[in-house]
């Protein structure tokens, strides 16, 4: 797995925010980034569940 330079990635997040962004905007961007990275890590490690299993578990139709 490639090494991520957190400082550079944080600076990229900051650059993409508009000038009138709030702390909540920044925290949301960080949260989304962490969630995506965690999901990709789980997927790469084979920690996934088929969508049919999830639907059945929660009683959802197609």
N, C-alpha and C. Protein backbone atom coordinates (compact mmCIF):
# COMPACT_ATOMS: atom_id res chain seq x y z
N UNK A 1 0.84 -1.19 0.00
CA UNK A 1 0.00 0.00 0.00
C UNK A 1 0.88 1.24 0.00
N UNK A 2 0.47 2.23 -0.75
CA UNK A 2 1.29 3.43 -0.85
C UNK A 2 1.20 4.28 0.41
N UNK A 3 2.27 4.97 0.71
CA UNK A 3 2.32 5.83 1.87
C UNK A 3 1.69 7.18 1.53
N UNK A 4 0.84 7.66 2.42
CA UNK A 4 0.17 8.94 2.20
C UNK A 4 0.80 9.99 3.11
N UNK A 5 1.14 11.12 2.53
CA UNK A 5 1.65 12.23 3.30
C UNK A 5 0.45 13.04 3.81
N UNK A 6 0.11 12.83 5.07
CA UNK A 6 -1.09 13.44 5.65
C UNK A 6 -1.04 14.96 5.57
N UNK A 7 0.12 15.54 5.81
CA UNK A 7 0.25 17.00 5.79
C UNK A 7 -0.09 17.55 4.39
N UNK A 8 0.43 16.90 3.36
CA UNK A 8 0.12 17.34 1.99
C UNK A 8 -1.36 17.16 1.67
N UNK A 9 -1.91 16.04 2.09
CA UNK A 9 -3.33 15.79 1.82
C UNK A 9 -4.21 16.80 2.55
N UNK A 10 -3.85 17.16 3.78
CA UNK A 10 -4.60 18.17 4.53
C UNK A 10 -4.52 19.52 3.83
N UNK A 11 -3.35 19.86 3.31
CA UNK A 11 -3.19 21.12 2.58
C UNK A 11 -4.06 21.12 1.32
N UNK A 12 -4.15 19.97 0.65
CA UNK A 12 -5.01 19.86 -0.53
C UNK A 12 -6.48 20.07 -0.17
N UNK A 13 -6.89 19.51 0.97
CA UNK A 13 -8.27 19.72 1.42
C UNK A 13 -8.52 21.21 1.68
N UNK A 14 -7.57 21.86 2.30
CA UNK A 14 -7.71 23.29 2.60
C UNK A 14 -7.78 24.12 1.32
N UNK A 15 -6.94 23.78 0.35
CA UNK A 15 -6.93 24.53 -0.91
C UNK A 15 -8.27 24.44 -1.62
N UNK A 16 -8.95 23.31 -1.48
CA UNK A 16 -10.21 23.10 -2.19
C UNK A 16 -11.41 23.77 -1.51
N UNK A 17 -11.24 24.21 -0.28
CA UNK A 17 -12.34 24.86 0.43
C UNK A 17 -12.50 26.30 -0.05
N UNK A 18 -13.73 26.77 -0.12
CA UNK A 18 -13.95 28.18 -0.48
C UNK A 18 -13.48 29.10 0.65
N UNK A 19 -13.26 30.36 0.33
CA UNK A 19 -12.75 31.32 1.31
C UNK A 19 -13.69 31.50 2.50
N UNK A 20 -14.98 31.29 2.29
CA UNK A 20 -15.95 31.48 3.38
C UNK A 20 -16.30 30.17 4.10
N UNK A 21 -15.46 29.15 3.95
CA UNK A 21 -15.72 27.86 4.58
C UNK A 21 -15.69 27.97 6.10
N UNK A 22 -16.43 27.09 6.74
CA UNK A 22 -16.48 27.05 8.20
C UNK A 22 -15.65 25.87 8.71
N UNK A 23 -15.46 25.82 10.03
CA UNK A 23 -14.78 24.67 10.62
C UNK A 23 -15.57 23.40 10.34
N UNK A 24 -16.89 23.52 10.36
CA UNK A 24 -17.73 22.35 10.07
C UNK A 24 -17.50 21.85 8.64
N UNK A 25 -17.32 22.76 7.70
CA UNK A 25 -17.02 22.36 6.32
C UNK A 25 -15.73 21.56 6.26
N UNK A 26 -14.72 22.05 6.95
CA UNK A 26 -13.43 21.36 6.97
C UNK A 26 -13.55 19.99 7.63
N UNK A 27 -14.24 19.93 8.76
CA UNK A 27 -14.41 18.67 9.47
C UNK A 27 -15.18 17.66 8.61
N UNK A 28 -16.17 18.13 7.86
CA UNK A 28 -16.93 17.24 6.99
C UNK A 28 -16.02 16.67 5.91
N UNK A 29 -15.20 17.51 5.30
CA UNK A 29 -14.26 17.03 4.27
C UNK A 29 -13.33 15.97 4.84
N UNK A 30 -12.82 16.21 6.04
CA UNK A 30 -11.92 15.24 6.68
C UNK A 30 -12.66 13.94 6.96
N UNK A 31 -13.88 14.04 7.48
CA UNK A 31 -14.69 12.86 7.77
C UNK A 31 -14.93 12.02 6.53
N UNK A 32 -15.33 12.67 5.43
CA UNK A 32 -15.61 11.96 4.19
C UNK A 32 -14.34 11.29 3.68
N UNK A 33 -13.23 12.00 3.73
CA UNK A 33 -11.96 11.43 3.26
C UNK A 33 -11.59 10.18 4.07
N UNK A 34 -11.73 10.26 5.40
CA UNK A 34 -11.41 9.11 6.25
C UNK A 34 -12.35 7.95 5.98
N UNK A 35 -13.63 8.23 5.78
CA UNK A 35 -14.60 7.17 5.52
C UNK A 35 -14.29 6.46 4.20
N UNK A 36 -13.94 7.21 3.19
CA UNK A 36 -13.60 6.61 1.89
C UNK A 36 -12.36 5.75 2.02
N UNK A 37 -11.33 6.28 2.68
CA UNK A 37 -10.10 5.51 2.84
C UNK A 37 -10.33 4.23 3.64
N UNK A 38 -11.16 4.30 4.69
CA UNK A 38 -11.46 3.11 5.49
C UNK A 38 -12.22 2.09 4.65
N UNK A 39 -13.15 2.55 3.83
CA UNK A 39 -13.90 1.65 2.97
C UNK A 39 -13.02 0.97 1.94
N UNK A 40 -12.10 1.73 1.35
CA UNK A 40 -11.18 1.15 0.37
C UNK A 40 -10.26 0.13 1.03
N UNK A 41 -9.82 0.43 2.25
CA UNK A 41 -8.96 -0.50 2.98
C UNK A 41 -9.71 -1.80 3.28
N UNK A 42 -10.97 -1.68 3.72
CA UNK A 42 -11.78 -2.86 3.98
C UNK A 42 -11.98 -3.69 2.72
N UNK A 43 -12.27 -3.00 1.63
CA UNK A 43 -12.49 -3.70 0.36
C UNK A 43 -11.23 -4.43 -0.09
N UNK A 44 -10.10 -3.77 0.00
CA UNK A 44 -8.84 -4.39 -0.41
C UNK A 44 -8.48 -5.59 0.46
N UNK A 45 -8.92 -5.56 1.73
CA UNK A 45 -8.63 -6.65 2.66
C UNK A 45 -9.69 -7.75 2.59
N UNK A 46 -10.69 -7.58 1.71
CA UNK A 46 -11.71 -8.60 1.57
C UNK A 46 -12.80 -8.54 2.63
N UNK A 47 -12.86 -7.48 3.38
CA UNK A 47 -13.88 -7.33 4.42
C UNK A 47 -15.13 -6.67 3.82
N UNK A 48 -15.83 -7.43 2.99
CA UNK A 48 -17.04 -6.92 2.35
C UNK A 48 -18.18 -7.91 2.54
N UNK A 49 -19.38 -7.43 2.32
CA UNK A 49 -20.58 -8.25 2.40
C UNK A 49 -21.37 -8.01 1.12
N UNK A 50 -21.86 -9.07 0.53
CA UNK A 50 -22.65 -8.96 -0.69
C UNK A 50 -23.91 -8.16 -0.40
N UNK A 51 -24.30 -7.32 -1.35
CA UNK A 51 -25.48 -6.47 -1.17
C UNK A 51 -26.75 -7.29 -0.91
N UNK A 52 -26.84 -8.47 -1.47
CA UNK A 52 -28.01 -9.33 -1.23
C UNK A 52 -28.09 -9.72 0.24
N UNK A 53 -26.94 -9.99 0.87
CA UNK A 53 -26.92 -10.33 2.29
C UNK A 53 -27.37 -9.15 3.14
N UNK A 54 -26.91 -7.96 2.78
CA UNK A 54 -27.28 -6.76 3.54
C UNK A 54 -28.78 -6.50 3.42
N UNK A 55 -29.29 -6.62 2.21
CA UNK A 55 -30.73 -6.41 2.00
C UNK A 55 -31.55 -7.42 2.80
N UNK A 56 -31.12 -8.68 2.79
CA UNK A 56 -31.84 -9.70 3.53
C UNK A 56 -31.79 -9.43 5.04
N UNK A 57 -30.64 -9.01 5.52
CA UNK A 57 -30.48 -8.73 6.95
C UNK A 57 -31.44 -7.64 7.42
N UNK A 58 -31.67 -6.63 6.57
CA UNK A 58 -32.52 -5.51 6.96
C UNK A 58 -33.92 -5.60 6.38
N UNK A 59 -34.23 -6.74 5.74
CA UNK A 59 -35.57 -6.94 5.21
C UNK A 59 -35.92 -6.00 4.07
N UNK A 60 -34.95 -5.64 3.26
CA UNK A 60 -35.19 -4.70 2.16
C UNK A 60 -35.44 -5.47 0.87
N UNK A 61 -36.32 -4.94 0.07
CA UNK A 61 -36.57 -5.49 -1.25
C UNK A 61 -35.50 -4.98 -2.20
N UNK A 62 -35.51 -5.51 -3.42
CA UNK A 62 -34.55 -5.08 -4.42
C UNK A 62 -34.46 -3.60 -4.41
